[in-house]
PDB file of N, CA and C in Angstrom:
ATOM      1  N   MET A   1      50.769  41.234 -63.592  1.00  0.00           N
ATOM      2  CA  MET A   1      50.234  41.349 -62.247  1.00  0.00           C
ATOM      3  C   MET A   1      48.724  41.490 -62.349  1.00  0.00           C
ATOM      4  N   PRO A   2      47.977  40.677 -61.596  1.00  0.00           N
ATOM      5  CA  PRO A   2      46.512  40.765 -61.640  1.00  0.00           C
ATOM      6  C   PRO A   2      46.033  42.106 -61.106  1.00  0.00           C
ATOM      7  N   LYS A   3      44.893  42.497 -61.578  1.00  0.00           N
ATOM      8  CA  LYS A   3      44.342  43.782 -61.151  1.00  0.00           C
ATOM      9  C   LYS A   3      43.732  43.664 -59.761  1.00  0.00           C
ATOM     10  N   LEU A   4      43.865  44.715 -59.019  1.00  0.00           N
ATOM     11  CA  LEU A   4      43.269  44.810 -57.690  1.00  0.00           C
ATOM     12  C   LEU A   4      42.385  46.045 -57.698  1.00  0.00           C
ATOM     13  N   PRO A   5      41.077  45.879 -57.579  1.00  0.00           N
ATOM     14  CA  PRO A   5      40.212  47.057 -57.587  1.00  0.00           C
ATOM     15  C   PRO A   5      40.411  47.882 -56.328  1.00  0.00           C
ATOM     16  N   GLY A   6      40.087  49.152 -56.419  1.00  0.00           N
ATOM     17  CA  GLY A   6      40.124  49.986 -55.227  1.00  0.00           C
ATOM     18  C   GLY A   6      39.090  49.470 -54.239  1.00  0.00           C
ATOM     19  N   ILE A   7      39.493  49.347 -52.972  1.00  0.00           N
ATOM     20  CA  ILE A   7      38.572  48.826 -51.958  1.00  0.00           C
ATOM     21  C   ILE A   7      38.492  49.799 -50.790  1.00  0.00           C
ATOM     22  N   ASN A   8      37.478  49.620 -49.975  1.00  0.00           N
ATOM     23  CA  ASN A   8      37.278  50.426 -48.779  1.00  0.00           C
ATOM     24  C   ASN A   8      38.434  50.174 -47.819  1.00  0.00           C
ATOM     25  N   HIS A   9      38.908  51.213 -47.133  1.00  0.00           N
ATOM     26  CA  HIS A   9      40.033  51.037 -46.220  1.00  0.00           C
ATOM     27  C   HIS A   9      39.688  50.115 -45.055  1.00  0.00           C
ATOM     28  N   LEU A  10      38.426  50.057 -44.649  1.00  0.00           N
ATOM     29  CA  LEU A  10      38.038  49.164 -43.555  1.00  0.00           C
ATOM     30  C   LEU A  10      38.131  47.707 -43.978  1.00  0.00           C
ATOM     31  N   GLN A  11      37.781  47.407 -45.233  1.00  0.00           N
ATOM     32  CA  GLN A  11      37.930  46.044 -45.746  1.00  0.00           C
ATOM     33  C   GLN A  11      39.404  45.659 -45.783  1.00  0.00           C
ATOM     34  N   ALA A  12      40.250  46.584 -46.168  1.00  0.00           N
ATOM     35  CA  ALA A  12      41.681  46.316 -46.220  1.00  0.00           C
ATOM     36  C   ALA A  12      42.224  46.017 -44.827  1.00  0.00           C
ATOM     37  N   VAL A  13      41.789  46.791 -43.833  1.00  0.00           N
ATOM     38  CA  VAL A  13      42.244  46.579 -42.455  1.00  0.00           C
ATOM     39  C   VAL A  13      41.808  45.197 -41.969  1.00  0.00           C
ATOM     40  N   LYS A  14      40.559  44.817 -42.211  1.00  0.00           N
ATOM     41  CA  LYS A  14      40.064  43.505 -41.782  1.00  0.00           C
ATOM     42  C   LYS A  14      40.834  42.372 -42.452  1.00  0.00           C
ATOM     43  N   ALA A  15      41.119  42.511 -43.736  1.00  0.00           N
ATOM     44  CA  ALA A  15      41.861  41.476 -44.461  1.00  0.00           C
ATOM     45  C   ALA A  15      43.286  41.355 -43.913  1.00  0.00           C
ATOM     46  N   LEU A  16      43.919  42.485 -43.627  1.00  0.00           N
ATOM     47  CA  LEU A  16      45.281  42.443 -43.105  1.00  0.00           C
ATOM     48  C   LEU A  16      45.315  41.911 -41.677  1.00  0.00           C
ATOM     49  N   GLU A  17      44.257  42.155 -40.907  1.00  0.00           N
ATOM     50  CA  GLU A  17      44.172  41.577 -39.563  1.00  0.00           C
ATOM     51  C   GLU A  17      44.096  40.051 -39.637  1.00  0.00           C
ATOM     52  N   LYS A  18      43.420  39.522 -40.645  1.00  0.00           N
ATOM     53  CA  LYS A  18      43.342  38.073 -40.829  1.00  0.00           C
ATOM     54  C   LYS A  18      44.714  37.483 -41.128  1.00  0.00           C
ATOM     55  N   SER A  19      45.591  38.280 -41.748  1.00  0.00           N
ATOM     56  CA  SER A  19      46.923  37.782 -42.088  1.00  0.00           C
ATOM     57  C   SER A  19      47.943  38.031 -40.980  1.00  0.00           C
ATOM     58  N   GLY A  20      47.504  38.537 -39.833  1.00  0.00           N
ATOM     59  CA  GLY A  20      48.398  38.673 -38.688  1.00  0.00           C
ATOM     60  C   GLY A  20      48.820  40.084 -38.322  1.00  0.00           C
ATOM     61  N   PHE A  21      48.348  41.081 -39.029  1.00  0.00           N
ATOM     62  CA  PHE A  21      48.689  42.468 -38.703  1.00  0.00           C
ATOM     63  C   PHE A  21      47.727  43.016 -37.659  1.00  0.00           C
ATOM     64  N   ARG A  22      48.210  43.930 -36.834  1.00  0.00           N
ATOM     65  CA  ARG A  22      47.398  44.587 -35.818  1.00  0.00           C
ATOM     66  C   ARG A  22      47.544  46.095 -35.950  1.00  0.00           C
ATOM     67  N   ILE A  23      46.495  46.817 -35.560  1.00  0.00           N
ATOM     68  CA  ILE A  23      46.522  48.284 -35.617  1.00  0.00           C
ATOM     69  C   ILE A  23      47.421  48.810 -34.507  1.00  0.00           C
ATOM     70  N   VAL A  24      48.382  49.655 -34.886  1.00  0.00           N
ATOM     71  CA  VAL A  24      49.295  50.260 -33.927  1.00  0.00           C
ATOM     72  C   VAL A  24      48.754  51.620 -33.497  1.00  0.00           C
ATOM     73  N   ARG A  25      48.353  52.426 -34.495  1.00  0.00           N
ATOM     74  CA  ARG A  25      47.756  53.734 -34.188  1.00  0.00           C
ATOM     75  C   ARG A  25      46.919  54.187 -35.376  1.00  0.00           C
ATOM     76  N   GLN A  26      46.061  55.167 -35.095  1.00  0.00           N
ATOM     77  CA  GLN A  26      45.162  55.673 -36.127  1.00  0.00           C
ATOM     78  C   GLN A  26      45.161  57.191 -36.102  1.00  0.00           C
ATOM     79  N   GLY A  27      44.932  57.757 -37.255  1.00  0.00           N
ATOM     80  CA  GLY A  27      44.824  59.195 -37.425  1.00  0.00           C
ATOM     81  C   GLY A  27      44.281  59.400 -38.818  1.00  0.00           C
ATOM     82  N   LYS A  28      44.956  60.227 -39.623  1.00  0.00           N
ATOM     83  CA  LYS A  28      44.571  60.349 -41.028  1.00  0.00           C
ATOM     84  C   LYS A  28      44.919  59.073 -41.785  1.00  0.00           C
ATOM     85  N   HIS A  29      45.871  58.309 -41.250  1.00  0.00           N
ATOM     86  CA  HIS A  29      46.251  57.025 -41.813  1.00  0.00           C
ATOM     87  C   HIS A  29      46.173  55.981 -40.697  1.00  0.00           C
ATOM     88  N   ILE A  30      46.033  54.730 -41.081  1.00  0.00           N
ATOM     89  CA  ILE A  30      46.024  53.627 -40.124  1.00  0.00           C
ATOM     90  C   ILE A  30      47.378  52.939 -40.245  1.00  0.00           C
ATOM     91  N   ILE A  31      48.081  52.825 -39.124  1.00  0.00           N
ATOM     92  CA  ILE A  31      49.376  52.167 -39.094  1.00  0.00           C
ATOM     93  C   ILE A  31      49.176  50.774 -38.513  1.00  0.00           C
ATOM     94  N   MET A  32      49.634  49.762 -39.257  1.00  0.00           N
ATOM     95  CA  MET A  32      49.490  48.376 -38.817  1.00  0.00           C
ATOM     96  C   MET A  32      50.864  47.722 -38.780  1.00  0.00           C
ATOM     97  N   SER A  33      51.022  46.710 -37.903  1.00  0.00           N
ATOM     98  CA  SER A  33      52.284  46.000 -37.795  1.00  0.00           C
ATOM     99  C   SER A  33      52.026  44.543 -37.458  1.00  0.00           C
ATOM    100  N   ASN A  34      52.950  43.677 -37.907  1.00  0.00           N
ATOM    101  CA  ASN A  34      52.898  42.271 -37.516  1.00  0.00           C
ATOM    102  C   ASN A  34      54.104  41.939 -36.645  1.00  0.00           C
ATOM    103  N   GLY A  35      54.797  42.930 -36.167  1.00  0.00           N
ATOM    104  CA  GLY A  35      55.972  42.740 -35.339  1.00  0.00           C
ATOM    105  C   GLY A  35      57.262  43.054 -36.083  1.00  0.00           C
ATOM    106  N   THR A  36      57.291  42.778 -37.385  1.00  0.00           N
ATOM    107  CA  THR A  36      58.495  43.056 -38.168  1.00  0.00           C
ATOM    108  C   THR A  36      58.230  44.056 -39.283  1.00  0.00           C
ATOM    109  N   ARG A  37      57.028  44.065 -39.837  1.00  0.00           N
ATOM    110  CA  ARG A  37      56.685  44.969 -40.941  1.00  0.00           C
ATOM    111  C   ARG A  37      55.661  46.006 -40.463  1.00  0.00           C
ATOM    112  N   PHE A  38      55.784  47.224 -40.990  1.00  0.00           N
ATOM    113  CA  PHE A  38      54.817  48.274 -40.721  1.00  0.00           C
ATOM    114  C   PHE A  38      54.148  48.668 -42.028  1.00  0.00           C
ATOM    115  N   LEU A  39      52.837  48.849 -41.988  1.00  0.00           N
ATOM    116  CA  LEU A  39      52.055  49.256 -43.154  1.00  0.00           C
ATOM    117  C   LEU A  39      51.306  50.534 -42.831  1.00  0.00           C
ATOM    118  N   THR A  40      51.181  51.406 -43.803  1.00  0.00           N
ATOM    119  CA  THR A  40      50.414  52.633 -43.660  1.00  0.00           C
ATOM    120  C   THR A  40      49.271  52.590 -44.655  1.00  0.00           C
ATOM    121  N   ILE A  41      48.034  52.649 -44.138  1.00  0.00           N
ATOM    122  CA  ILE A  41      46.843  52.570 -44.978  1.00  0.00           C
ATOM    123  C   ILE A  41      46.104  53.904 -44.891  1.00  0.00           C
ATOM    124  N   PRO A  42      45.923  54.591 -46.010  1.00  0.00           N
ATOM    125  CA  PRO A  42      45.203  55.869 -45.975  1.00  0.00           C
ATOM    126  C   PRO A  42      43.707  55.645 -45.742  1.00  0.00           C
ATOM    127  N   ARG A  43      43.071  56.609 -45.137  1.00  0.00           N
ATOM    128  CA  ARG A  43      41.626  56.525 -44.901  1.00  0.00           C
ATOM    129  C   ARG A  43      40.869  57.108 -46.090  1.00  0.00           C
ATOM    130  N   ASN A  44      41.061  56.527 -47.258  1.00  0.00           N
ATOM    131  CA  ASN A  44      40.343  56.941 -48.461  1.00  0.00           C
ATOM    132  C   ASN A  44      39.325  55.874 -48.815  1.00  0.00           C
ATOM    133  N   ASN A  45      38.215  56.283 -49.359  1.00  0.00           N
ATOM    134  CA  ASN A  45      37.229  55.326 -49.844  1.00  0.00           C
ATOM    135  C   ASN A  45      36.932  55.637 -51.280  1.00  0.00           C
ATOM    136  N   PRO A  46      37.280  54.797 -52.204  1.00  0.00           N
ATOM    137  CA  PRO A  46      38.123  53.610 -52.014  1.00  0.00           C
ATOM    138  C   PRO A  46      39.594  53.978 -52.037  1.00  0.00           C
ATOM    139  N   VAL A  47      40.422  53.079 -51.470  1.00  0.00           N
ATOM    140  CA  VAL A  47      41.872  53.247 -51.555  1.00  0.00           C
ATOM    141  C   VAL A  47      42.256  52.969 -53.007  1.00  0.00           C
ATOM    142  N   ASN A  48      43.057  53.829 -53.598  1.00  0.00           N
ATOM    143  CA  ASN A  48      43.489  53.695 -54.985  1.00  0.00           C
ATOM    144  C   ASN A  48      44.071  52.305 -55.225  1.00  0.00           C
ATOM    145  N   ALA A  49      43.791  51.717 -56.382  1.00  0.00           N
ATOM    146  CA  ALA A  49      44.239  50.361 -56.699  1.00  0.00           C
ATOM    147  C   ALA A  49      45.770  50.259 -56.687  1.00  0.00           C
ATOM    148  N   TYR A  50      46.470  51.251 -57.201  1.00  0.00           N
ATOM    149  CA  TYR A  50      47.936  51.223 -57.198  1.00  0.00           C
ATOM    150  C   TYR A  50      48.478  51.295 -55.776  1.00  0.00           C
ATOM    151  N   THR A  51      47.871  52.136 -54.947  1.00  0.00           N
ATOM    152  CA  THR A  51      48.280  52.249 -53.557  1.00  0.00           C
ATOM    153  C   THR A  51      48.029  50.938 -52.829  1.00  0.00           C
ATOM    154  N   MET A  52      46.861  50.348 -53.053  1.00  0.00           N
ATOM    155  CA  MET A  52      46.514  49.092 -52.384  1.00  0.00           C
ATOM    156  C   MET A  52      47.449  47.971 -52.819  1.00  0.00           C
ATOM    157  N   ALA A  53      47.814  47.933 -54.088  1.00  0.00           N
ATOM    158  CA  ALA A  53      48.741  46.909 -54.573  1.00  0.00           C
ATOM    159  C   ALA A  53      50.105  47.054 -53.895  1.00  0.00           C
ATOM    160  N   GLY A  54      50.543  48.278 -53.674  1.00  0.00           N
ATOM    161  CA  GLY A  54      51.803  48.514 -52.966  1.00  0.00           C
ATOM    162  C   GLY A  54      51.744  48.076 -51.520  1.00  0.00           C
ATOM    163  N   ILE A  55      50.614  48.324 -50.870  1.00  0.00           N
ATOM    164  CA  ILE A  55      50.433  47.907 -49.477  1.00  0.00           C
ATOM    165  C   ILE A  55      50.467  46.388 -49.382  1.00  0.00           C
ATOM    166  N   VAL A  56      49.789  45.720 -50.316  1.00  0.00           N
ATOM    167  CA  VAL A  56      49.763  44.256 -50.326  1.00  0.00           C
ATOM    168  C   VAL A  56      51.179  43.712 -50.529  1.00  0.00           C
ATOM    169  N   LYS A  57      51.942  44.322 -51.432  1.00  0.00           N
ATOM    170  CA  LYS A  57      53.317  43.892 -51.679  1.00  0.00           C
ATOM    171  C   LYS A  57      54.172  44.097 -50.432  1.00  0.00           C
ATOM    172  N   ASP A  58      54.018  45.246 -49.763  1.00  0.00           N
ATOM    173  CA  ASP A  58      54.770  45.524 -48.544  1.00  0.00           C
ATOM    174  C   ASP A  58      54.412  44.556 -47.418  1.00  0.00           C
ATOM    175  N   ALA A  59      53.184  44.038 -47.441  1.00  0.00           N
ATOM    176  CA  ALA A  59      52.743  43.090 -46.423  1.00  0.00           C
ATOM    177  C   ALA A  59      53.312  41.698 -46.665  1.00  0.00           C
ATOM    178  N   GLY A  60      53.918  41.488 -47.833  1.00  0.00           N
ATOM    179  CA  GLY A  60      54.479  40.188 -48.144  1.00  0.00           C
ATOM    180  C   GLY A  60      53.462  39.213 -48.695  1.00  0.00           C
ATOM    181  N   LEU A  61      52.358  39.734 -49.207  1.00  0.00           N
ATOM    182  CA  LEU A  61      51.298  38.901 -49.771  1.00  0.00           C
ATOM    183  C   LEU A  61      51.252  39.073 -51.286  1.00  0.00           C
ATOM    184  N   THR A  62      50.634  38.110 -51.948  1.00  0.00           N
ATOM    185  CA  THR A  62      50.356  38.271 -53.371  1.00  0.00           C
ATOM    186  C   THR A  62      48.944  38.826 -53.507  1.00  0.00           C
ATOM    187  N   ILE A  63      48.615  39.298 -54.691  1.00  0.00           N
ATOM    188  CA  ILE A  63      47.273  39.836 -54.935  1.00  0.00           C
ATOM    189  C   ILE A  63      46.231  38.744 -54.720  1.00  0.00           C
ATOM    190  N   GLU A  64      46.533  37.515 -55.157  1.00  0.00           N
ATOM    191  CA  GLU A  64      45.590  36.408 -55.000  1.00  0.00           C
ATOM    192  C   GLU A  64      45.345  36.103 -53.529  1.00  0.00           C
ATOM    193  N   GLN A  65      46.421  36.084 -52.736  1.00  0.00           N
ATOM    194  CA  GLN A  65      46.273  35.824 -51.299  1.00  0.00           C
ATOM    195  C   GLN A  65      45.431  36.908 -50.636  1.00  0.00           C
ATOM    196  N   PHE A  66      45.665  38.164 -51.032  1.00  0.00           N
ATOM    197  CA  PHE A  66      44.904  39.256 -50.443  1.00  0.00           C
ATOM    198  C   PHE A  66      43.424  39.167 -50.808  1.00  0.00           C
ATOM    199  N   LYS A  67      43.139  38.827 -52.074  1.00  0.00           N
ATOM    200  CA  LYS A  67      41.744  38.706 -52.510  1.00  0.00           C
ATOM    201  C   LYS A  67      41.015  37.615 -51.726  1.00  0.00           C
ATOM    202  N   GLU A  68      41.712  36.543 -51.363  1.00  0.00           N
ATOM    203  CA  GLU A  68      41.099  35.473 -50.565  1.00  0.00           C
ATOM    204  C   GLU A  68      40.757  35.954 -49.163  1.00  0.00           C
ATOM    205  N   LEU A  69      41.539  36.902 -48.634  1.00  0.00           N
ATOM    206  CA  LEU A  69      41.309  37.412 -47.285  1.00  0.00           C
ATOM    207  C   LEU A  69      40.151  38.409 -47.223  1.00  0.00           C
ATOM    208  N   ILE A  70      39.843  39.025 -48.341  1.00  0.00           N
ATOM    209  CA  ILE A  70      38.768  40.040 -48.349  1.00  0.00           C
ATOM    210  C   ILE A  70      37.424  39.370 -48.130  1.00  0.00           C
TER     211      ILE A  70
END
């Protein structure tokens, strides 16, 4: 699996919005949905690489696809 560096949570939100996800609610975490999947993104800077890789997997994207969206 290719490495995914830790990135800013705002960059992650923008990239996921490009792939069709929308913000449902915000608090200590940002909850996003595309209608069928829900993602929880912590407000950490940077978001841990392992955590970000899990979020990308839950979104149904590959690491390469996510890197193109950033």
